[in-house]
Amino acid sequence: MNARTADILSLLCVLAAAGTAAFLYPDLPEMIPTHWNAAGEIDDYSPRGWGIVVLLGAPVFVWIIMKLIPAISPKGYRTDTFQQTVNLFQVVLVAFMSGICVLVLLEARGINARINESTYLGIGLLFFILGNYMTKMRKNFFLGIRTPWTLASDEVWARTHRVGGRIFMLGGLLLGLGAFLPLRNEILVTVVVGIALVPVVYSYFVYRAVEGFVEESDDADGDDGSTGRSA
């Protein structure tokens, strides 16, 4: 996906959320819900105006960050070789945040948007798409599974992202199913922990197998001041 297409689609997502906010605004209460607990119950509210600003600001902020990544990436870790994937991620993330905005506004209006189930489906789809395209990413400091071992080796990066991509996709499917199951919170915790830990641990062991670790002895360091030669 080229940058122009990504920006047009991102703009449409933000405009859809803004249009929803403008349409519903007259009928929204003075305080709108902005947070739900694990049981799906509202546990925090914000003033209507400020709440809408924050909700609409989230996808715009993500959009700006994604546009900055190519410009601020250091030499040797540029995103040029997979910029189309970065553009796709931009659209997916902006669409996700815009969708959350619409769901919250519908709930605030008193329309049952089944926000918990919808959010799980949205997160599941997000993980599935990210995982599907994860192998197209190359070493960088902003996107992907960034550990000391993946950043130190192209092969470790590639192998970790092949496995990590499958884990993300599986996690996305489980979260999508979790939207219809009573144990969705347990599923969420399991998926998040798995996505966060398994690729990291895997990258360490792959690095050990591919690159190995060189242990320097005290004698090699020359800490005792000797040169290692006999008199």
C-alpha atoms as a PDB file:
ATOM      1  CA  MET A   1       0.000   0.000   0.000  1.00  0.00           C
ATOM      2  CA  ASN A   2       1.487   3.345  -1.016  1.00  0.00           C
ATOM      3  CA  ALA A   3       1.581   6.376   1.268  1.00  0.00           C
ATOM      4  CA  ARG A   4      -1.118   8.300  -0.600  1.00  0.00           C
ATOM      5  CA  THR A   5      -3.629   5.456  -0.361  1.00  0.00           C
ATOM      6  CA  ALA A   6      -2.774   4.926   3.306  1.00  0.00           C
ATOM      7  CA  ASP A   7      -3.321   8.603   4.095  1.00  0.00           C
ATOM      8  CA  ILE A   8      -6.635   8.717   2.223  1.00  0.00           C
ATOM      9  CA  LEU A   9      -7.930   5.644   4.053  1.00  0.00           C
ATOM     10  CA  SER A  10      -6.674   6.966   7.399  1.00  0.00           C
ATOM     11  CA  LEU A  11      -8.409  10.284   6.744  1.00  0.00           C
ATOM     12  CA  LEU A  12     -11.670   8.511   5.905  1.00  0.00           C
ATOM     13  CA  CYS A  13     -11.492   6.571   9.180  1.00  0.00           C
ATOM     14  CA  VAL A  14     -10.944   9.725  11.221  1.00  0.00           C
ATOM     15  CA  LEU A  15     -13.693  11.575   9.326  1.00  0.00           C
ATOM     16  CA  ALA A  16     -16.107   8.700   9.960  1.00  0.00           C
ATOM     17  CA  ALA A  17     -15.405   8.930  13.690  1.00  0.00           C
ATOM     18  CA  ALA A  18     -15.661  12.739  13.642  1.00  0.00           C
ATOM     19  CA  GLY A  19     -18.910  12.545  11.678  1.00  0.00           C
ATOM     20  CA  THR A  20     -20.341  10.129  14.226  1.00  0.00           C
ATOM     21  CA  ALA A  21     -19.339  12.487  17.038  1.00  0.00           C
ATOM     22  CA  ALA A  22     -20.946  15.482  15.297  1.00  0.00           C
ATOM     23  CA  PHE A  23     -24.160  13.568  14.575  1.00  0.00           C
ATOM     24  CA  LEU A  24     -24.537  12.226  18.101  1.00  0.00           C
ATOM     25  CA  TYR A  25     -23.252  15.272  19.973  1.00  0.00           C
ATOM     26  CA  PRO A  26     -26.636  16.975  20.628  1.00  0.00           C
ATOM     27  CA  ASP A  27     -27.995  13.799  22.219  1.00  0.00           C
ATOM     28  CA  LEU A  28     -24.938  12.891  24.265  1.00  0.00           C
ATOM     29  CA  PRO A  29     -25.064  13.348  28.066  1.00  0.00           C
ATOM     30  CA  GLU A  30     -22.843  15.922  29.760  1.00  0.00           C
ATOM     31  CA  MET A  31     -20.655  13.105  31.078  1.00  0.00           C
ATOM     32  CA  ILE A  32     -19.790  10.283  28.724  1.00  0.00           C
ATOM     33  CA  PRO A  33     -18.277   6.886  29.636  1.00  0.00           C
ATOM     34  CA  THR A  34     -14.614   6.553  28.732  1.00  0.00           C
ATOM     35  CA  HIS A  35     -13.515   3.365  30.499  1.00  0.00           C
ATOM     36  CA  TRP A  36     -14.901  -0.101  31.175  1.00  0.00           C
ATOM     37  CA  ASN A  37     -13.615  -2.621  33.712  1.00  0.00           C
ATOM     38  CA  ALA A  38     -12.946  -6.306  33.064  1.00  0.00           C
ATOM     39  CA  ALA A  39     -16.581  -7.133  33.804  1.00  0.00           C
ATOM     40  CA  GLY A  40     -17.746  -4.784  31.088  1.00  0.00           C
ATOM     41  CA  GLU A  41     -19.042  -2.185  33.553  1.00  0.00           C
ATOM     42  CA  ILE A  42     -18.438   1.546  33.134  1.00  0.00           C
ATOM     43  CA  ASP A  43     -16.040   2.778  35.801  1.00  0.00           C
ATOM     44  CA  ASP A  44     -14.965   6.198  34.536  1.00  0.00           C
ATOM     45  CA  TYR A  45     -16.577   9.207  32.841  1.00  0.00           C
ATOM     46  CA  SER A  46     -15.329  12.396  31.181  1.00  0.00           C
ATOM     47  CA  PRO A  47     -17.015  15.691  30.277  1.00  0.00           C
ATOM     48  CA  ARG A  48     -18.651  15.396  26.862  1.00  0.00           C
ATOM     49  CA  GLY A  49     -16.446  17.917  25.044  1.00  0.00           C
ATOM     50  CA  TRP A  50     -13.149  16.761  26.500  1.00  0.00           C
ATOM     51  CA  GLY A  51     -14.074  13.106  26.068  1.00  0.00           C
ATOM     52  CA  ILE A  52     -14.742  13.588  22.357  1.00  0.00           C
ATOM     53  CA  VAL A  53     -11.452  15.446  21.911  1.00  0.00           C
ATOM     54  CA  VAL A  54      -9.541  12.567  23.512  1.00  0.00           C
ATOM     55  CA  LEU A  55     -11.428   9.913  21.541  1.00  0.00           C
ATOM     56  CA  LEU A  56     -10.829  11.653  18.213  1.00  0.00           C
ATOM     57  CA  GLY A  57      -7.290  12.601  19.158  1.00  0.00           C
ATOM     58  CA  ALA A  58      -6.246   8.957  19.633  1.00  0.00           C
ATOM     59  CA  PRO A  59      -6.430   7.888  15.941  1.00  0.00           C
ATOM     60  CA  VAL A  60      -4.914  11.209  14.846  1.00  0.00           C
ATOM     61  CA  PHE A  61      -2.009  10.735  17.272  1.00  0.00           C
ATOM     62  CA  VAL A  62      -1.401   7.190  15.963  1.00  0.00           C
ATOM     63  CA  TRP A  63      -1.480   8.536  12.400  1.00  0.00           C
ATOM     64  CA  ILE A  64       1.131  11.179  13.207  1.00  0.00           C
ATOM     65  CA  ILE A  65       3.412   8.661  14.932  1.00  0.00           C
ATOM     66  CA  MET A  66       3.246   6.284  11.980  1.00  0.00           C
ATOM     67  CA  LYS A  67       4.119   9.117   9.592  1.00  0.00           C
ATOM     68  CA  LEU A  68       7.110  10.084  11.752  1.00  0.00           C
ATOM     69  CA  ILE A  69       8.660   6.598  11.869  1.00  0.00           C
ATOM     70  CA  PRO A  70      10.320   6.755   8.401  1.00  0.00           C
ATOM     71  CA  ALA A  71      11.715  10.220   9.127  1.00  0.00           C
ATOM     72  CA  ILE A  72      13.221   9.480  12.538  1.00  0.00           C
ATOM     73  CA  SER A  73      14.531   5.949  11.899  1.00  0.00           C
ATOM     74  CA  PRO A  74      18.355   5.924  12.212  1.00  0.00           C
ATOM     75  CA  LYS A  75      20.680   4.887   9.426  1.00  0.00           C
ATOM     76  CA  GLY A  76      20.908   1.125   9.119  1.00  0.00           C
ATOM     77  CA  TYR A  77      17.393   0.704  10.500  1.00  0.00           C
ATOM     78  CA  ARG A  78      15.377   2.557   7.882  1.00  0.00           C
ATOM     79  CA  THR A  79      11.901   1.434   6.887  1.00  0.00           C
ATOM     80  CA  ASP A  80      12.300   2.092   3.153  1.00  0.00           C
ATOM     81  CA  THR A  81      12.472  -1.597   2.229  1.00  0.00           C
ATOM     82  CA  PHE A  82       9.123  -2.369   3.871  1.00  0.00           C
ATOM     83  CA  GLN A  83       7.432   1.036   3.807  1.00  0.00           C
ATOM     84  CA  GLN A  84       4.311  -0.392   2.185  1.00  0.00           C
ATOM     85  CA  THR A  85       3.870  -2.633   5.220  1.00  0.00           C
ATOM     86  CA  VAL A  86       4.307   0.382   7.521  1.00  0.00           C
ATOM     87  CA  ASN A  87       1.620   2.178   5.505  1.00  0.00           C
ATOM     88  CA  LEU A  88      -0.705  -0.788   5.911  1.00  0.00           C
ATOM     89  CA  PHE A  89      -0.093  -0.870   9.661  1.00  0.00           C
ATOM     90  CA  GLN A  90      -0.907   2.844   9.759  1.00  0.00           C
ATOM     91  CA  VAL A  91      -4.336   2.253   8.230  1.00  0.00           C
ATOM     92  CA  VAL A  92      -5.083  -0.743  10.436  1.00  0.00           C
ATOM     93  CA  LEU A  93      -4.145   1.072  13.653  1.00  0.00           C
ATOM     94  CA  VAL A  94      -5.974   4.294  12.731  1.00  0.00           C
ATOM     95  CA  ALA A  95      -9.053   2.280  11.750  1.00  0.00           C
ATOM     96  CA  PHE A  96      -8.938   0.383  15.044  1.00  0.00           C
ATOM     97  CA  MET A  97      -8.701   3.544  17.150  1.00  0.00           C
ATOM     98  CA  SER A  98     -11.423   5.234  15.093  1.00  0.00           C
ATOM     99  CA  GLY A  99     -13.637   2.184  15.595  1.00  0.00           C
ATOM    100  CA  ILE A 100     -13.136   2.346  19.363  1.00  0.00           C
ATOM    101  CA  CYS A 101     -14.155   6.008  19.241  1.00  0.00           C
ATOM    102  CA  VAL A 102     -17.391   5.162  17.420  1.00  0.00           C
ATOM    103  CA  LEU A 103     -18.213   2.329  19.827  1.00  0.00           C
ATOM    104  CA  VAL A 104     -17.746   4.560  22.874  1.00  0.00           C
ATOM    105  CA  LEU A 105     -19.905   7.303  21.381  1.00  0.00           C
ATOM    106  CA  LEU A 106     -22.688   4.847  20.555  1.00  0.00           C
ATOM    107  CA  GLU A 107     -22.609   3.509  24.104  1.00  0.00           C
ATOM    108  CA  ALA A 108     -22.679   7.070  25.466  1.00  0.00           C
ATOM    109  CA  ARG A 109     -25.771   7.748  23.368  1.00  0.00           C
ATOM    110  CA  GLY A 110     -27.464   4.746  24.947  1.00  0.00           C
ATOM    111  CA  ILE A 111     -27.126   2.471  21.927  1.00  0.00           C
ATOM    112  CA  ASN A 112     -25.972  -1.013  22.859  1.00  0.00           C
ATOM    113  CA  ALA A 113     -22.870  -1.523  20.698  1.00  0.00           C
ATOM    114  CA  ARG A 114     -21.815  -4.588  22.706  1.00  0.00           C
ATOM    115  CA  ILE A 115     -18.547  -2.801  23.328  1.00  0.00           C
ATOM    116  CA  ASN A 116     -16.782  -5.664  25.104  1.00  0.00           C
ATOM    117  CA  GLU A 117     -17.498  -8.211  22.374  1.00  0.00           C
ATOM    118  CA  SER A 118     -16.804  -5.677  19.619  1.00  0.00           C
ATOM    119  CA  THR A 119     -13.500  -4.665  21.211  1.00  0.00           C
ATOM    120  CA  TYR A 120     -12.359  -8.279  21.494  1.00  0.00           C
ATOM    121  CA  LEU A 121     -13.222  -8.854  17.842  1.00  0.00           C
ATOM    122  CA  GLY A 122     -11.383  -5.681  16.893  1.00  0.00           C
ATOM    123  CA  ILE A 123      -8.253  -6.584  18.856  1.00  0.00           C
ATOM    124  CA  GLY A 124      -8.358 -10.110  17.458  1.00  0.00           C
ATOM    125  CA  LEU A 125      -8.556  -8.801  13.889  1.00  0.00           C
ATOM    126  CA  LEU A 126      -5.769  -6.313  14.638  1.00  0.00           C
ATOM    127  CA  PHE A 127      -3.431  -9.048  15.927  1.00  0.00           C
ATOM    128  CA  PHE A 128      -4.295 -11.324  13.006  1.00  0.00           C
ATOM    129  CA  ILE A 129      -3.480  -8.680  10.387  1.00  0.00           C
ATOM    130  CA  LEU A 130      -0.277  -7.575  12.132  1.00  0.00           C
ATOM    131  CA  GLY A 131       0.860 -11.187  12.441  1.00  0.00           C
ATOM    132  CA  ASN A 132       0.086 -11.904   8.803  1.00  0.00           C
ATOM    133  CA  TYR A 133       2.403  -9.121   7.632  1.00  0.00           C
ATOM    134  CA  MET A 134       5.047  -9.403  10.335  1.00  0.00           C
ATOM    135  CA  THR A 135       7.482 -11.365   8.160  1.00  0.00           C
ATOM    136  CA  LYS A 136       7.666  -8.441   5.726  1.00  0.00           C
ATOM    137  CA  MET A 137       9.272  -6.169   8.315  1.00  0.00           C
ATOM    138  CA  ARG A 138      13.012  -5.707   8.502  1.00  0.00           C
ATOM    139  CA  LYS A 139      15.122  -4.590  11.452  1.00  0.00           C
ATOM    140  CA  ASN A 140      13.951  -1.299  12.925  1.00  0.00           C
ATOM    141  CA  PHE A 141      13.502   0.323  16.313  1.00  0.00           C
ATOM    142  CA  PHE A 142       9.737   0.972  16.193  1.00  0.00           C
ATOM    143  CA  LEU A 143       7.777  -1.959  14.786  1.00  0.00           C
ATOM    144  CA  GLY A 144       7.976  -5.690  15.309  1.00  0.00           C
ATOM    145  CA  ILE A 145       9.612  -7.884  17.942  1.00  0.00           C
ATOM    146  CA  ARG A 146      12.517  -5.713  19.046  1.00  0.00           C
ATOM    147  CA  THR A 147      14.833  -7.528  21.423  1.00  0.00           C
ATOM    148  CA  PRO A 148      18.624  -7.229  21.829  1.00  0.00           C
ATOM    149  CA  TRP A 149      18.954 -10.498  19.903  1.00  0.00           C
ATOM    150  CA  THR A 150      16.682  -9.689  16.958  1.00  0.00           C
ATOM    151  CA  LEU A 151      18.314  -6.284  16.529  1.00  0.00           C
ATOM    152  CA  ALA A 152      21.773  -7.871  16.596  1.00  0.00           C
ATOM    153  CA  SER A 153      21.166 -10.401  13.819  1.00  0.00           C
ATOM    154  CA  ASP A 154      19.222 -10.348  10.538  1.00  0.00           C
ATOM    155  CA  GLU A 155      18.692 -14.110  10.707  1.00  0.00           C
ATOM    156  CA  VAL A 156      17.425 -14.000  14.286  1.00  0.00           C
ATOM    157  CA  TRP A 157      15.088 -11.136  13.335  1.00  0.00           C
ATOM    158  CA  ALA A 158      13.702 -13.100  10.371  1.00  0.00           C
ATOM    159  CA  ARG A 159      13.251 -16.377  12.235  1.00  0.00           C
ATOM    160  CA  THR A 160      11.702 -14.698  15.285  1.00  0.00           C
ATOM    161  CA  HIS A 161       9.210 -12.807  13.136  1.00  0.00           C
ATOM    162  CA  ARG A 162       8.187 -15.949  11.276  1.00  0.00           C
ATOM    163  CA  VAL A 163       7.311 -17.596  14.582  1.00  0.00           C
ATOM    164  CA  GLY A 164       6.004 -14.380  16.127  1.00  0.00           C
ATOM    165  CA  GLY A 165       3.725 -13.769  13.167  1.00  0.00           C
ATOM    166  CA  ARG A 166       2.089 -17.166  13.657  1.00  0.00           C
ATOM    167  CA  ILE A 167       1.688 -16.487  17.375  1.00  0.00           C
ATOM    168  CA  PHE A 168       0.048 -13.134  16.676  1.00  0.00           C
ATOM    169  CA  MET A 169      -2.347 -14.705  14.182  1.00  0.00           C
ATOM    170  CA  LEU A 170      -3.242 -17.527  16.564  1.00  0.00           C
ATOM    171  CA  GLY A 171      -3.731 -15.006  19.359  1.00  0.00           C
ATOM    172  CA  GLY A 172      -5.984 -12.957  17.108  1.00  0.00           C
ATOM    173  CA  LEU A 173      -8.151 -15.985  16.349  1.00  0.00           C
ATOM    174  CA  LEU A 174      -8.406 -16.866  20.047  1.00  0.00           C
ATOM    175  CA  LEU A 175      -9.435 -13.314  20.931  1.00  0.00           C
ATOM    176  CA  GLY A 176     -12.026 -13.330  18.159  1.00  0.00           C
ATOM    177  CA  LEU A 177     -13.487 -16.540  19.566  1.00  0.00           C
ATOM    178  CA  GLY A 178     -13.191 -15.108  23.073  1.00  0.00           C
ATOM    179  CA  ALA A 179     -15.763 -12.464  22.191  1.00  0.00           C
ATOM    180  CA  PHE A 180     -18.401 -15.211  22.289  1.00  0.00           C
ATOM    181  CA  LEU A 181     -17.098 -17.161  25.292  1.00  0.00           C
ATOM    182  CA  PRO A 182     -17.684 -16.550  29.021  1.00  0.00           C
ATOM    183  CA  LEU A 183     -13.953 -16.781  29.841  1.00  0.00           C
ATOM    184  CA  ARG A 184     -12.908 -13.945  27.550  1.00  0.00           C
ATOM    185  CA  ASN A 185     -10.840 -12.160  30.206  1.00  0.00           C
ATOM    186  CA  GLU A 186      -8.828 -15.303  30.896  1.00  0.00           C
ATOM    187  CA  ILE A 187      -8.316 -15.724  27.157  1.00  0.00           C
ATOM    188  CA  LEU A 188      -7.160 -12.114  26.862  1.00  0.00           C
ATOM    189  CA  VAL A 189      -4.582 -12.517  29.638  1.00  0.00           C
ATOM    190  CA  THR A 190      -3.293 -15.785  28.162  1.00  0.00           C
ATOM    191  CA  VAL A 191      -2.993 -14.327  24.659  1.00  0.00           C
ATOM    192  CA  VAL A 192      -1.282 -11.124  25.797  1.00  0.00           C
ATOM    193  CA  VAL A 193       1.220 -12.997  27.965  1.00  0.00           C
ATOM    194  CA  GLY A 194       1.914 -15.450  25.154  1.00  0.00           C
ATOM    195  CA  ILE A 195       2.418 -12.725  22.546  1.00  0.00           C
ATOM    196  CA  ALA A 196       4.625 -10.730  24.904  1.00  0.00           C
ATOM    197  CA  LEU A 197       6.851 -13.531  26.205  1.00  0.00           C
ATOM    198  CA  VAL A 198       7.094 -16.393  23.711  1.00  0.00           C
ATOM    199  CA  PRO A 199       8.736 -14.453  20.830  1.00  0.00           C
ATOM    200  CA  VAL A 200      11.166 -12.766  23.231  1.00  0.00           C
ATOM    201  CA  VAL A 201      12.297 -16.053  24.760  1.00  0.00           C
ATOM    202  CA  TYR A 202      12.418 -17.660  21.324  1.00  0.00           C
ATOM    203  CA  SER A 203      14.657 -14.876  19.971  1.00  0.00           C
ATOM    204  CA  TYR A 204      17.137 -15.474  22.789  1.00  0.00           C
ATOM    205  CA  PHE A 205      17.480 -19.187  22.078  1.00  0.00           C
ATOM    206  CA  VAL A 206      17.653 -18.621  18.327  1.00  0.00           C
ATOM    207  CA  TYR A 207      20.448 -16.125  18.876  1.00  0.00           C
ATOM    208  CA  ARG A 208      22.318 -18.647  20.980  1.00  0.00           C
ATOM    209  CA  ALA A 209      21.983 -21.228  18.239  1.00  0.00           C
ATOM    210  CA  VAL A 210      22.877 -18.886  15.368  1.00  0.00           C
ATOM    211  CA  GLU A 211      25.411 -16.471  16.827  1.00  0.00           C
ATOM    212  CA  GLY A 212      26.381 -17.912  20.198  1.00  0.00           C
ATOM    213  CA  PHE A 213      27.788 -15.946  23.109  1.00  0.00           C
ATOM    214  CA  VAL A 214      31.504 -15.245  23.499  1.00  0.00           C
ATOM    215  CA  GLU A 215      32.638 -15.160  27.098  1.00  0.00           C
ATOM    216  CA  GLU A 216      35.733 -13.080  27.752  1.00  0.00           C
ATOM    217  CA  SER A 217      38.038 -14.344  30.484  1.00  0.00           C
ATOM    218  CA  ASP A 218      39.735 -12.101  32.981  1.00  0.00           C
ATOM    219  CA  ASP A 219      43.079 -12.960  31.389  1.00  0.00           C
ATOM    220  CA  ALA A 220      41.830 -11.790  27.987  1.00  0.00           C
ATOM    221  CA  ASP A 221      40.707  -8.503  29.496  1.00  0.00           C
ATOM    222  CA  GLY A 222      44.156  -7.939  30.945  1.00  0.00           C
ATOM    223  CA  ASP A 223      42.696  -6.605  34.152  1.00  0.00           C
ATOM    224  CA  ASP A 224      45.794  -7.704  36.094  1.00  0.00           C
ATOM    225  CA  GLY A 225      47.963  -5.534  33.946  1.00  0.00           C
ATOM    226  CA  SER A 226      49.982  -8.452  32.564  1.00  0.00           C
ATOM    227  CA  THR A 227      50.558  -8.961  28.843  1.00  0.00           C
ATOM    228  CA  GLY A 228      50.460 -12.737  29.024  1.00  0.00           C
ATOM    229  CA  ARG A 229      54.193 -13.033  28.124  1.00  0.00           C
ATOM    230  CA  SER A 230      56.799 -14.709  30.334  1.00  0.00           C
ATOM    231  CA  ALA A 231      59.847 -12.814  31.469  1.00  0.00           C
END
